[in-house]
Amino acid sequence: MEPAVHGLLALVSLLAGCGELGGVTTGKMYAGADCLACHAAGGLAAERPLTLAGSVFPSPQAGADEGMGGVEVAVTDAAGHTVTLSSNEVGNFFTDEQLAFPLSVEVRWNGAVARMSLPVPSGSCNACHALPPMGGATGRVFVP
């Protein structure tokens, strides 16, 4: 994300009252944005650090307002520990559990399963699964 855009998002979140009522504790913030840009040391939400976070959409090119709730995201870390998350009503999923990278990730919806073909080096899912996509991603995290 461009520094100016990141700064603008930070200002908007502060003005909007980011905190208990602004969605931090409920995870209803900025579907599609790079969650760990704020939810990590030095970020605006450093008091609520996350180890993995992202958003699920109906297609790789979906708009930020099209997030899907109830999608299962299963993450298995390098130590064999599996964490299963469910996306909320705006499409966001997140955890603060300690994870050993790289990760294997599956997205499950209505009996269908999509697996990432490469090991995942970071918990910042939306950093690559963005519009436009980065790092070889095909677009947004999407349901199979």
Protein backbone atom coordinates (compact mmCIF):
# COMPACT_ATOMS: atom_id res chain seq x y z
CA MET A 1 0.00 0.00 0.00
CA GLU A 2 1.30 3.47 -0.84
CA PRO A 3 2.51 5.41 2.25
CA ALA A 4 0.08 8.26 1.53
CA VAL A 5 -2.87 5.85 1.35
CA HIS A 6 -1.75 4.09 4.53
CA GLY A 7 -1.47 7.46 6.29
CA LEU A 8 -4.93 8.46 5.07
CA LEU A 9 -6.42 5.19 6.35
CA ALA A 10 -4.71 5.79 9.69
CA LEU A 11 -6.15 9.31 9.93
CA VAL A 12 -9.63 8.12 8.96
CA SER A 13 -9.50 5.33 11.55
CA LEU A 14 -8.47 7.77 14.27
CA LEU A 15 -11.21 10.23 13.33
CA ALA A 16 -13.77 7.43 13.15
CA GLY A 17 -12.98 6.40 16.72
CA CYS A 18 -11.02 3.25 16.05
CA GLY A 19 -11.23 1.24 19.24
CA GLU A 20 -13.93 -0.68 21.06
CA LEU A 21 -16.68 0.97 19.01
CA GLY A 22 -14.64 1.31 15.82
CA GLY A 23 -14.39 -2.40 15.13
CA VAL A 24 -11.00 -3.34 16.58
CA THR A 25 -12.36 -5.87 19.04
CA THR A 26 -15.02 -7.17 16.65
CA GLY A 27 -12.80 -7.34 13.56
CA LYS A 28 -15.22 -5.36 11.41
CA MET A 29 -12.60 -3.01 10.00
CA TYR A 30 -11.40 -2.35 6.44
CA ALA A 31 -12.12 -5.66 4.70
CA GLY A 32 -9.41 -6.20 2.10
CA ALA A 33 -6.87 -3.88 3.76
CA ASP A 34 -3.53 -5.13 5.10
CA CYS A 35 -4.60 -5.87 8.69
CA LEU A 36 -1.10 -6.40 10.03
CA ALA A 37 -0.01 -2.95 8.86
CA CYS A 38 -1.88 -1.68 11.94
CA HIS A 39 -2.14 -4.78 14.15
CA ALA A 40 1.63 -5.18 14.70
CA ALA A 41 4.39 -3.43 16.63
CA GLY A 42 4.51 0.22 15.62
CA GLY A 43 1.06 0.14 14.01
CA LEU A 44 -1.98 2.15 15.02
CA ALA A 45 -3.52 -0.95 16.63
CA ALA A 46 -0.31 -2.24 18.20
CA GLU A 47 -2.19 -2.77 21.47
CA ARG A 48 -4.15 -5.55 19.67
CA PRO A 49 -1.40 -7.42 17.78
CA LEU A 50 -2.39 -10.21 15.42
CA THR A 51 -0.28 -12.99 13.96
CA LEU A 52 -2.53 -13.72 10.97
CA ALA A 53 -5.38 -11.77 9.43
CA GLY A 54 -7.17 -11.34 6.12
CA SER A 55 -10.52 -11.10 4.37
CA VAL A 56 -12.56 -13.54 2.26
CA PHE A 57 -14.54 -12.55 -0.82
CA PRO A 58 -16.76 -14.25 -3.42
CA SER A 59 -14.22 -13.71 -6.23
CA PRO A 60 -10.60 -12.65 -6.75
CA GLN A 61 -11.70 -9.21 -8.05
CA ALA A 62 -14.49 -8.47 -5.50
CA GLY A 63 -14.91 -5.03 -3.99
CA ALA A 64 -14.07 -4.33 -0.36
CA ASP A 65 -17.78 -4.21 0.52
CA GLU A 66 -18.37 -7.79 -0.71
CA GLY A 67 -16.71 -9.70 2.16
CA MET A 68 -18.23 -13.08 3.03
CA GLY A 69 -19.05 -14.32 6.51
CA GLY A 70 -19.00 -17.92 7.69
CA VAL A 71 -16.11 -19.05 5.49
CA GLU A 72 -13.67 -21.40 7.22
CA VAL A 73 -9.95 -20.67 6.96
CA ALA A 74 -7.73 -23.50 8.21
CA VAL A 75 -4.09 -22.67 8.88
CA THR A 76 -1.45 -25.28 9.71
CA ASP A 77 1.90 -23.95 10.83
CA ALA A 78 5.39 -25.42 10.38
CA ALA A 79 5.11 -27.19 13.76
CA GLY A 80 1.89 -28.96 12.71
CA HIS A 81 -0.39 -26.77 14.86
CA THR A 82 -3.74 -26.10 13.13
CA VAL A 83 -5.91 -23.06 13.78
CA THR A 84 -9.35 -22.93 12.18
CA LEU A 85 -10.89 -19.49 11.80
CA SER A 86 -14.28 -18.35 10.54
CA SER A 87 -14.73 -15.10 8.66
CA ASN A 88 -17.12 -12.59 10.23
CA GLU A 89 -19.96 -10.77 8.46
CA VAL A 90 -17.62 -8.35 6.67
CA GLY A 91 -15.32 -11.19 5.57
CA ASN A 92 -12.48 -10.70 8.06
CA PHE A 93 -10.68 -13.53 9.84
CA PHE A 94 -7.87 -13.10 12.36
CA THR A 95 -5.94 -14.65 15.24
CA ASP A 96 -3.32 -13.69 17.79
CA GLU A 97 -2.19 -17.30 18.35
CA GLN A 98 1.54 -17.83 17.94
CA LEU A 99 2.30 -19.51 14.63
CA ALA A 100 5.50 -21.04 13.24
CA PHE A 101 5.98 -19.95 9.63
CA PRO A 102 5.67 -20.99 6.86
CA LEU A 103 2.00 -21.93 6.87
CA SER A 104 -0.29 -24.15 4.83
CA VAL A 105 -3.70 -22.55 4.26
CA GLU A 106 -7.09 -23.86 3.13
CA VAL A 107 -10.33 -21.96 2.51
CA ARG A 108 -13.51 -24.03 2.93
CA TRP A 109 -17.02 -23.13 1.86
CA ASN A 110 -20.10 -25.34 1.32
CA GLY A 111 -18.01 -28.52 1.09
CA ALA A 112 -15.50 -27.11 -1.40
CA VAL A 113 -11.85 -26.64 -0.42
CA ALA A 114 -9.20 -24.39 -1.97
CA ARG A 115 -5.58 -24.80 -0.86
CA MET A 116 -2.77 -22.33 -1.36
CA SER A 117 -0.22 -23.99 -3.60
CA LEU A 118 2.83 -22.41 -1.95
CA PRO A 119 3.90 -22.16 1.70
CA VAL A 120 2.74 -18.89 3.26
CA PRO A 121 5.66 -16.84 4.68
CA SER A 122 3.59 -14.21 6.52
CA GLY A 123 0.31 -13.81 8.38
CA SER A 124 -0.53 -10.66 6.46
CA CYS A 125 -2.91 -12.29 3.95
CA ASN A 126 -4.26 -9.08 2.43
CA ALA A 127 -0.76 -7.76 1.73
CA CYS A 128 -0.59 -10.09 -1.29
CA HIS A 129 -4.30 -10.86 -1.77
CA ALA A 130 -5.09 -7.29 -2.71
CA LEU A 131 -6.27 -5.30 -5.71
CA PRO A 132 -3.97 -5.26 -7.56
CA PRO A 133 -2.51 -8.55 -6.30
CA MET A 134 1.09 -8.77 -5.11
CA GLY A 135 3.66 -11.54 -4.73
CA GLY A 136 2.08 -13.90 -7.27
CA ALA A 137 -1.39 -13.96 -5.66
CA THR A 138 -4.36 -14.30 -8.01
CA GLY A 139 -6.33 -11.54 -6.30
CA ARG A 140 -8.42 -11.51 -3.15
CA VAL A 141 -8.74 -14.54 -0.87
CA PHE A 142 -11.93 -16.06 -2.29
CA VAL A 143 -14.26 -18.96 -1.70
CA PRO A 144 -13.84 -22.05 -3.88
